Amino acid sequence: MAQKDGKNWVRSLSDAINMATTVAASIALGYFGGKWLDGRFDTEPWLTLLGFMLGVATGIKVMWQKTMNGKKGSVSEKNDSESGF
């Protein structure tokens, strides 16, 4: 039990860093992709804004999925331990 608790913070830190870099990458990719498309099609602020908003939406979706998957796992673990499985 002590080993599990001792390594739990490492797993949590790894998940947090993974989520932060994924969110930052999705926002940067959307922004710079939109900026490149604006330069190519001469639509100055619009595709940059659209790319940025899509990047933010993707980042929120990633955070939502990670959070909901973590909560599902903890609920099912509680139910399994209570039912004896």
PDB file of N, CA and C in Angstrom:
ATOM      1  N   MET A   1       0.824  -1.193   0.000  1.00  0.00           N
ATOM      2  CA  MET A   1       0.000   0.000   0.000  1.00  0.00           C
ATOM      3  C   MET A   1       0.867   1.255   0.000  1.00  0.00           C
ATOM      4  N   ALA A   2       1.971   1.230   0.737  1.00  0.00           N
ATOM      5  CA  ALA A   2       2.828   2.407   0.791  1.00  0.00           C
ATOM      6  C   ALA A   2       3.471   2.692  -0.562  1.00  0.00           C
ATOM      7  N   GLN A   3       3.801   1.646  -1.316  1.00  0.00           N
ATOM      8  CA  GLN A   3       4.395   1.859  -2.626  1.00  0.00           C
ATOM      9  C   GLN A   3       3.391   2.486  -3.579  1.00  0.00           C
ATOM     10  N   LYS A   4       2.157   2.071  -3.505  1.00  0.00           N
ATOM     11  CA  LYS A   4       1.130   2.627  -4.386  1.00  0.00           C
ATOM     12  C   LYS A   4       0.934   4.113  -4.100  1.00  0.00           C
ATOM     13  N   ASP A   5       0.869   4.484  -2.831  1.00  0.00           N
ATOM     14  CA  ASP A   5       0.713   5.894  -2.474  1.00  0.00           C
ATOM     15  C   ASP A   5       1.957   6.700  -2.828  1.00  0.00           C
ATOM     16  N   GLY A   6       3.119   6.092  -2.715  1.00  0.00           N
ATOM     17  CA  GLY A   6       4.363   6.782  -3.012  1.00  0.00           C
ATOM     18  C   GLY A   6       4.523   7.109  -4.485  1.00  0.00           C
ATOM     19  N   LYS A   7       3.970   6.306  -5.360  1.00  0.00           N
ATOM     20  CA  LYS A   7       4.103   6.537  -6.791  1.00  0.00           C
ATOM     21  C   LYS A   7       2.881   7.225  -7.390  1.00  0.00           C
ATOM     22  N   ASN A   8       1.863   7.431  -6.607  1.00  0.00           N
ATOM     23  CA  ASN A   8       0.640   8.068  -7.106  1.00  0.00           C
ATOM     24  C   ASN A   8       0.907   9.502  -7.540  1.00  0.00           C
ATOM     25  N   TRP A   9       1.761  10.218  -6.846  1.00  0.00           N
ATOM     26  CA  TRP A   9       2.032  11.611  -7.215  1.00  0.00           C
ATOM     27  C   TRP A   9       2.802  11.686  -8.522  1.00  0.00           C
ATOM     28  N   VAL A  10       3.611  10.673  -8.803  1.00  0.00           N
ATOM     29  CA  VAL A  10       4.359  10.652 -10.056  1.00  0.00           C
ATOM     30  C   VAL A  10       3.387  10.488 -11.225  1.00  0.00           C
ATOM     31  N   ARG A  11       2.437   9.610 -11.070  1.00  0.00           N
ATOM     32  CA  ARG A  11       1.416   9.391 -12.106  1.00  0.00           C
ATOM     33  C   ARG A  11       0.579  10.653 -12.305  1.00  0.00           C
ATOM     34  N   SER A  12       0.205  11.304 -11.218  1.00  0.00           N
ATOM     35  CA  SER A  12      -0.589  12.530 -11.316  1.00  0.00           C
ATOM     36  C   SER A  12       0.184  13.650 -11.990  1.00  0.00           C
ATOM     37  N   LEU A  13       1.455  13.790 -11.652  1.00  0.00           N
ATOM     38  CA  LEU A  13       2.294  14.809 -12.286  1.00  0.00           C
ATOM     39  C   LEU A  13       2.464  14.525 -13.773  1.00  0.00           C
ATOM     40  N   SER A  14       2.654  13.275 -14.111  1.00  0.00           N
ATOM     41  CA  SER A  14       2.785  12.882 -15.511  1.00  0.00           C
ATOM     42  C   SER A  14       1.512  13.197 -16.291  1.00  0.00           C
ATOM     43  N   ASP A  15       0.358  12.897 -15.718  1.00  0.00           N
ATOM     44  CA  ASP A  15      -0.915  13.204 -16.372  1.00  0.00           C
ATOM     45  C   ASP A  15      -1.109  14.702 -16.545  1.00  0.00           C
ATOM     46  N   ALA A  16      -0.742  15.478 -15.534  1.00  0.00           N
ATOM     47  CA  ALA A  16      -0.903  16.934 -15.608  1.00  0.00           C
ATOM     48  C   ALA A  16       0.004  17.541 -16.676  1.00  0.00           C
ATOM     49  N   ILE A  17       1.247  17.096 -16.739  1.00  0.00           N
ATOM     50  CA  ILE A  17       2.169  17.607 -17.756  1.00  0.00           C
ATOM     51  C   ILE A  17       1.711  17.208 -19.147  1.00  0.00           C
ATOM     52  N   ASN A  18       1.239  15.983 -19.292  1.00  0.00           N
ATOM     53  CA  ASN A  18       0.737  15.506 -20.573  1.00  0.00           C
ATOM     54  C   ASN A  18      -0.458  16.344 -21.029  1.00  0.00           C
ATOM     55  N   MET A  19      -1.382  16.618 -20.125  1.00  0.00           N
ATOM     56  CA  MET A  19      -2.554  17.407 -20.475  1.00  0.00           C
ATOM     57  C   MET A  19      -2.166  18.844 -20.817  1.00  0.00           C
ATOM     58  N   ALA A  20      -1.262  19.433 -20.051  1.00  0.00           N
ATOM     59  CA  ALA A  20      -0.851  20.818 -20.301  1.00  0.00           C
ATOM     60  C   ALA A  20      -0.159  20.962 -21.650  1.00  0.00           C
ATOM     61  N   THR A  21       0.714  20.031 -21.984  1.00  0.00           N
ATOM     62  CA  THR A  21       1.405  20.129 -23.275  1.00  0.00           C
ATOM     63  C   THR A  21       0.450  19.860 -24.431  1.00  0.00           C
ATOM     64  N   THR A  22      -0.517  18.983 -24.239  1.00  0.00           N
ATOM     65  CA  THR A  22      -1.498  18.717 -25.288  1.00  0.00           C
ATOM     66  C   THR A  22      -2.363  19.943 -25.542  1.00  0.00           C
ATOM     67  N   VAL A  23      -2.807  20.602 -24.477  1.00  0.00           N
ATOM     68  CA  VAL A  23      -3.626  21.805 -24.625  1.00  0.00           C
ATOM     69  C   VAL A  23      -2.812  22.923 -25.282  1.00  0.00           C
ATOM     70  N   ALA A  24      -1.584  23.132 -24.820  1.00  0.00           N
ATOM     71  CA  ALA A  24      -0.740  24.178 -25.402  1.00  0.00           C
ATOM     72  C   ALA A  24      -0.456  23.900 -26.872  1.00  0.00           C
ATOM     73  N   ALA A  25      -0.200  22.657 -27.216  1.00  0.00           N
ATOM     74  CA  ALA A  25       0.085  22.308 -28.607  1.00  0.00           C
ATOM     75  C   ALA A  25      -1.140  22.503 -29.496  1.00  0.00           C
ATOM     76  N   SER A  26      -2.311  22.145 -29.006  1.00  0.00           N
ATOM     77  CA  SER A  26      -3.512  22.313 -29.835  1.00  0.00           C
ATOM     78  C   SER A  26      -3.817  23.787 -30.071  1.00  0.00           C
ATOM     79  N   ILE A  27      -3.629  24.622 -29.057  1.00  0.00           N
ATOM     80  CA  ILE A  27      -3.861  26.058 -29.231  1.00  0.00           C
ATOM     81  C   ILE A  27      -2.821  26.652 -30.180  1.00  0.00           C
ATOM     82  N   ALA A  28      -1.559  26.296 -30.002  1.00  0.00           N
ATOM     83  CA  ALA A  28      -0.499  26.827 -30.873  1.00  0.00           C
ATOM     84  C   ALA A  28      -0.685  26.368 -32.313  1.00  0.00           C
ATOM     85  N   LEU A  29      -1.040  25.115 -32.496  1.00  0.00           N
ATOM     86  CA  LEU A  29      -1.247  24.597 -33.844  1.00  0.00           C
ATOM     87  C   LEU A  29      -2.409  25.308 -34.530  1.00  0.00           C
ATOM     88  N   GLY A  30      -3.501  25.521 -33.799  1.00  0.00           N
ATOM     89  CA  GLY A  30      -4.637  26.247 -34.368  1.00  0.00           C
ATOM     90  C   GLY A  30      -4.289  27.679 -34.709  1.00  0.00           C
ATOM     91  N   TYR A  31      -3.585  28.357 -33.821  1.00  0.00           N
ATOM     92  CA  TYR A  31      -3.224  29.755 -34.040  1.00  0.00           C
ATOM     93  C   TYR A  31      -2.275  29.910 -35.228  1.00  0.00           C
ATOM     94  N   PHE A  32      -1.174  29.154 -35.208  1.00  0.00           N
ATOM     95  CA  PHE A  32      -0.193  29.311 -36.277  1.00  0.00           C
ATOM     96  C   PHE A  32      -0.701  28.758 -37.609  1.00  0.00           C
ATOM     97  N   GLY A  33      -1.531  27.736 -37.559  1.00  0.00           N
ATOM     98  CA  GLY A  33      -2.154  27.252 -38.785  1.00  0.00           C
ATOM     99  C   GLY A  33      -3.080  28.303 -39.382  1.00  0.00           C
ATOM    100  N   GLY A  34      -3.859  28.956 -38.531  1.00  0.00           N
ATOM    101  CA  GLY A  34      -4.733  30.031 -38.997  1.00  0.00           C
ATOM    102  C   GLY A  34      -3.949  31.219 -39.520  1.00  0.00           C
ATOM    103  N   LYS A  35      -2.847  31.534 -38.858  1.00  0.00           N
ATOM    104  CA  LYS A  35      -1.993  32.639 -39.313  1.00  0.00           C
ATOM    105  C   LYS A  35      -1.388  32.335 -40.681  1.00  0.00           C
ATOM    106  N   TRP A  36      -0.955  31.103 -40.880  1.00  0.00           N
ATOM    107  CA  TRP A  36      -0.409  30.703 -42.174  1.00  0.00           C
ATOM    108  C   TRP A  36      -1.481  30.785 -43.263  1.00  0.00           C
ATOM    109  N   LEU A  37      -2.682  30.300 -42.941  1.00  0.00           N
ATOM    110  CA  LEU A  37      -3.769  30.361 -43.925  1.00  0.00           C
ATOM    111  C   LEU A  37      -4.165  31.804 -44.224  1.00  0.00           C
ATOM    112  N   ASP A  38      -4.133  32.675 -43.204  1.00  0.00           N
ATOM    113  CA  ASP A  38      -4.406  34.093 -43.442  1.00  0.00           C
ATOM    114  C   ASP A  38      -3.400  34.703 -44.409  1.00  0.00           C
ATOM    115  N   GLY A  39      -2.136  34.373 -44.264  1.00  0.00           N
ATOM    116  CA  GLY A  39      -1.121  34.875 -45.180  1.00  0.00           C
ATOM    117  C   GLY A  39      -1.300  34.333 -46.586  1.00  0.00           C
ATOM    118  N   ARG A  40      -1.755  33.115 -46.672  1.00  0.00           N
ATOM    119  CA  ARG A  40      -1.928  32.475 -47.981  1.00  0.00           C
ATOM    120  C   ARG A  40      -3.158  33.001 -48.722  1.00  0.00           C
ATOM    121  N   PHE A  41      -4.257  33.227 -48.001  1.00  0.00           N
ATOM    122  CA  PHE A  41      -5.514  33.629 -48.644  1.00  0.00           C
ATOM    123  C   PHE A  41      -5.867  35.094 -48.428  1.00  0.00           C
ATOM    124  N   ASP A  42      -5.010  35.844 -47.725  1.00  0.00           N
ATOM    125  CA  ASP A  42      -5.212  37.276 -47.478  1.00  0.00           C
ATOM    126  C   ASP A  42      -6.556  37.566 -46.805  1.00  0.00           C
ATOM    127  N   THR A  43      -6.807  36.875 -45.714  1.00  0.00           N
ATOM    128  CA  THR A  43      -8.031  37.057 -44.912  1.00  0.00           C
ATOM    129  C   THR A  43      -7.639  37.423 -43.490  1.00  0.00           C
ATOM    130  N   GLU A  44      -6.838  38.441 -43.351  1.00  0.00           N
ATOM    131  CA  GLU A  44      -5.978  38.722 -42.200  1.00  0.00           C
ATOM    132  C   GLU A  44      -6.457  38.244 -40.830  1.00  0.00           C
ATOM    133  N   PRO A  45      -7.435  38.760 -40.157  1.00  0.00           N
ATOM    134  CA  PRO A  45      -7.577  38.253 -38.783  1.00  0.00           C
ATOM    135  C   PRO A  45      -8.478  37.029 -38.656  1.00  0.00           C
ATOM    136  N   TRP A  46      -9.245  36.705 -39.670  1.00  0.00           N
ATOM    137  CA  TRP A  46     -10.347  35.772 -39.481  1.00  0.00           C
ATOM    138  C   TRP A  46      -9.911  34.328 -39.323  1.00  0.00           C
ATOM    139  N   LEU A  47      -9.045  33.843 -40.150  1.00  0.00           N
ATOM    140  CA  LEU A  47      -8.625  32.448 -40.018  1.00  0.00           C
ATOM    141  C   LEU A  47      -7.717  32.237 -38.804  1.00  0.00           C
ATOM    142  N   THR A  48      -6.998  33.284 -38.417  1.00  0.00           N
ATOM    143  CA  THR A  48      -6.199  33.192 -37.186  1.00  0.00           C
ATOM    144  C   THR A  48      -7.121  33.051 -35.981  1.00  0.00           C
ATOM    145  N   LEU A  49      -8.168  33.860 -35.952  1.00  0.00           N
ATOM    146  CA  LEU A  49      -9.131  33.763 -34.846  1.00  0.00           C
ATOM    147  C   LEU A  49      -9.851  32.419 -34.850  1.00  0.00           C
ATOM    148  N   LEU A  50     -10.247  31.969 -36.029  1.00  0.00           N
ATOM    149  CA  LEU A  50     -10.934  30.682 -36.126  1.00  0.00           C
ATOM    150  C   LEU A  50     -10.017  29.547 -35.670  1.00  0.00           C
ATOM    151  N   GLY A  51      -8.760  29.571 -36.119  1.00  0.00           N
ATOM    152  CA  GLY A  51      -7.811  28.541 -35.708  1.00  0.00           C
ATOM    153  C   GLY A  51      -7.554  28.562 -34.211  1.00  0.00           C
ATOM    154  N   PHE A  52      -7.434  29.766 -33.648  1.00  0.00           N
ATOM    155  CA  PHE A  52      -7.233  29.888 -32.212  1.00  0.00           C
ATOM    156  C   PHE A  52      -8.430  29.321 -31.441  1.00  0.00           C
ATOM    157  N   MET A  53      -9.637  29.672 -31.874  1.00  0.00           N
ATOM    158  CA  MET A  53     -10.838  29.175 -31.188  1.00  0.00           C
ATOM    159  C   MET A  53     -10.974  27.664 -31.319  1.00  0.00           C
ATOM    160  N   LEU A  54     -10.640  27.120 -32.477  1.00  0.00           N
ATOM    161  CA  LEU A  54     -10.672  25.667 -32.627  1.00  0.00           C
ATOM    162  C   LEU A  54      -9.618  24.997 -31.743  1.00  0.00           C
ATOM    163  N   GLY A  55      -8.470  25.625 -31.609  1.00  0.00           N
ATOM    164  CA  GLY A  55      -7.439  25.096 -30.720  1.00  0.00           C
ATOM    165  C   GLY A  55      -7.878  25.102 -29.265  1.00  0.00           C
ATOM    166  N   VAL A  56      -8.517  26.185 -28.851  1.00  0.00           N
ATOM    167  CA  VAL A  56      -9.028  26.262 -27.477  1.00  0.00           C
ATOM    168  C   VAL A  56     -10.118  25.207 -27.254  1.00  0.00           C
ATOM    169  N   ALA A  57     -11.013  25.062 -28.232  1.00  0.00           N
ATOM    170  CA  ALA A  57     -12.076  24.058 -28.110  1.00  0.00           C
ATOM    171  C   ALA A  57     -11.490  22.648 -28.025  1.00  0.00           C
ATOM    172  N   THR A  58     -10.463  22.386 -28.809  1.00  0.00           N
ATOM    173  CA  THR A  58      -9.806  21.078 -28.756  1.00  0.00           C
ATOM    174  C   THR A  58      -9.142  20.859 -27.401  1.00  0.00           C
ATOM    175  N   GLY A  59      -8.505  21.904 -26.868  1.00  0.00           N
ATOM    176  CA  GLY A  59      -7.888  21.801 -25.546  1.00  0.00           C
ATOM    177  C   GLY A  59      -8.906  21.523 -24.457  1.00  0.00           C
ATOM    178  N   ILE A  60     -10.043  22.195 -24.523  1.00  0.00           N
ATOM    179  CA  ILE A  60     -11.110  21.954 -23.540  1.00  0.00           C
ATOM    180  C   ILE A  60     -11.640  20.535 -23.670  1.00  0.00           C
ATOM    181  N   LYS A  61     -11.791  20.060 -24.906  1.00  0.00           N
ATOM    182  CA  LYS A  61     -12.280  18.693 -25.130  1.00  0.00           C
ATOM    183  C   LYS A  61     -11.307  17.669 -24.551  1.00  0.00           C
ATOM    184  N   VAL A  62     -10.015  17.891 -24.741  1.00  0.00           N
ATOM    185  CA  VAL A  62      -9.009  16.973 -24.202  1.00  0.00           C
ATOM    186  C   VAL A  62      -9.073  16.956 -22.678  1.00  0.00           C
ATOM    187  N   MET A  63      -9.173  18.137 -22.071  1.00  0.00           N
ATOM    188  CA  MET A  63      -9.258  18.201 -20.605  1.00  0.00           C
ATOM    189  C   MET A  63     -10.524  17.510 -20.113  1.00  0.00           C
ATOM    190  N   TRP A  64     -11.630  17.713 -20.798  1.00  0.00           N
ATOM    191  CA  TRP A  64     -12.899  17.097 -20.405  1.00  0.00           C
ATOM    192  C   TRP A  64     -12.791  15.573 -20.471  1.00  0.00           C
ATOM    193  N   GLN A  65     -12.242  15.059 -21.570  1.00  0.00           N
ATOM    194  CA  GLN A  65     -12.118  13.610 -21.708  1.00  0.00           C
ATOM    195  C   GLN A  65     -11.199  13.013 -20.654  1.00  0.00           C
ATOM    196  N   LYS A  66     -10.070  13.659 -20.388  1.00  0.00           N
ATOM    197  CA  LYS A  66      -9.150  13.154 -19.363  1.00  0.00           C
ATOM    198  C   LYS A  66      -9.819  13.150 -17.996  1.00  0.00           C
ATOM    199  N   THR A  67     -10.561  14.219 -17.698  1.00  0.00           N
ATOM    200  CA  THR A  67     -11.219  14.313 -16.405  1.00  0.00           C
ATOM    201  C   THR A  67     -12.312  13.265 -16.257  1.00  0.00           C
ATOM    202  N   MET A  68     -13.122  13.095 -17.284  1.00  0.00           N
ATOM    203  CA  MET A  68     -14.217  12.136 -17.201  1.00  0.00           C
ATOM    204  C   MET A  68     -13.708  10.698 -17.184  1.00  0.00           C
ATOM    205  N   ASN A  69     -12.638  10.400 -17.913  1.00  0.00           N
ATOM    206  CA  ASN A  69     -12.072   9.048 -17.874  1.00  0.00           C
ATOM    207  C   ASN A  69     -11.499   8.740 -16.497  1.00  0.00           C
ATOM    208  N   GLY A  70     -10.892   9.728 -15.855  1.00  0.00           N
ATOM    209  CA  GLY A  70     -10.354   9.531 -14.515  1.00  0.00           C
ATOM    210  C   GLY A  70     -11.443   9.284 -13.495  1.00  0.00           C
ATOM    211  N   LYS A  71     -12.551  10.005 -13.622  1.00  0.00           N
ATOM    212  CA  LYS A  71     -13.655   9.822 -12.678  1.00  0.00           C
ATOM    213  C   LYS A  71     -14.363   8.490 -12.905  1.00  0.00           C
ATOM    214  N   LYS A  72     -14.493   8.062 -14.150  1.00  0.00           N
ATOM    215  CA  LYS A  72     -15.122   6.773 -14.420  1.00  0.00           C
ATOM    216  C   LYS A  72     -14.312   5.645 -13.806  1.00  0.00           C
ATOM    217  N   GLY A  73     -12.985   5.734 -13.922  1.00  0.00           N
ATOM    218  CA  GLY A  73     -12.131   4.699 -13.363  1.00  0.00           C
ATOM    219  C   GLY A  73     -12.254   4.609 -11.855  1.00  0.00           C
ATOM    220  N   SER A  74     -12.325   5.754 -11.184  1.00  0.00           N
ATOM    221  CA  SER A  74     -12.406   5.727  -9.732  1.00  0.00           C
ATOM    222  C   SER A  74     -13.769   5.230  -9.267  1.00  0.00           C
ATOM    223  N   VAL A  75     -14.834   5.545 -10.000  1.00  0.00           N
ATOM    224  CA  VAL A  75     -16.162   5.076  -9.617  1.00  0.00           C
ATOM    225  C   VAL A  75     -16.254   3.575  -9.818  1.00  0.00           C
ATOM    226  N   SER A  76     -15.762   3.065 -10.946  1.00  0.00           N
ATOM    227  CA  SER A  76     -15.844   1.626 -11.193  1.00  0.00           C
ATOM    228  C   SER A  76     -14.976   0.851 -10.205  1.00  0.00           C
ATOM    229  N   GLU A  77     -13.833   1.434  -9.808  1.00  0.00           N
ATOM    230  CA  GLU A  77     -13.001   0.754  -8.827  1.00  0.00           C
ATOM    231  C   GLU A  77     -13.734   0.667  -7.493  1.00  0.00           C
ATOM    232  N   LYS A  78     -14.458   1.713  -7.109  1.00  0.00           N
ATOM    233  CA  LYS A  78     -15.217   1.677  -5.867  1.00  0.00           C
ATOM    234  C   LYS A  78     -16.321   0.629  -5.932  1.00  0.00           C
ATOM    235  N   ASN A  79     -17.034   0.592  -7.064  1.00  0.00           N
ATOM    236  CA  ASN A  79     -18.113  -0.384  -7.208  1.00  0.00           C
ATOM    237  C   ASN A  79     -17.587  -1.800  -7.209  1.00  0.00           C
ATOM    238  N   ASP A  80     -16.440  -2.051  -7.863  1.00  0.00           N
ATOM    239  CA  ASP A  80     -15.866  -3.381  -7.875  1.00  0.00           C
ATOM    240  C   ASP A  80     -15.428  -3.822  -6.488  1.00  0.00           C
ATOM    241  N   SER A  81     -14.849  -2.912  -5.716  1.00  0.00           N
ATOM    242  CA  SER A  81     -14.389  -3.288  -4.386  1.00  0.00           C
ATOM    243  C   SER A  81     -15.554  -3.510  -3.440  1.00  0.00           C
ATOM    244  N   GLU A  82     -16.660  -2.804  -3.646  1.00  0.00           N
ATOM    245  CA  GLU A  82     -17.834  -3.002  -2.793  1.00  0.00           C
ATOM    246  C   GLU A  82     -18.567  -4.296  -3.121  1.00  0.00           C
ATOM    247  N   SER A  83     -18.584  -4.675  -4.395  1.00  0.00           N
ATOM    248  CA  SER A  83     -19.325  -5.868  -4.791  1.00  0.00           C
ATOM    249  C   SER A  83     -18.504  -7.155  -4.635  1.00  0.00           C
ATOM    250  N   GLY A  84     -17.202  -7.010  -4.409  1.00  0.00           N
ATOM    251  CA  GLY A  84     -16.369  -8.177  -4.182  1.00  0.00           C
ATOM    252  C   GLY A  84     -15.705  -8.707  -5.425  1.00  0.00           C
ATOM    253  N   PHE A  85     -15.792  -8.014  -6.549  1.00  0.00           N
ATOM    254  CA  PHE A  85     -15.165  -8.488  -7.796  1.00  0.00           C
ATOM    255  C   PHE A  85     -13.770  -8.040  -7.916  1.00  0.00           C
TER     256      PHE A  85
END
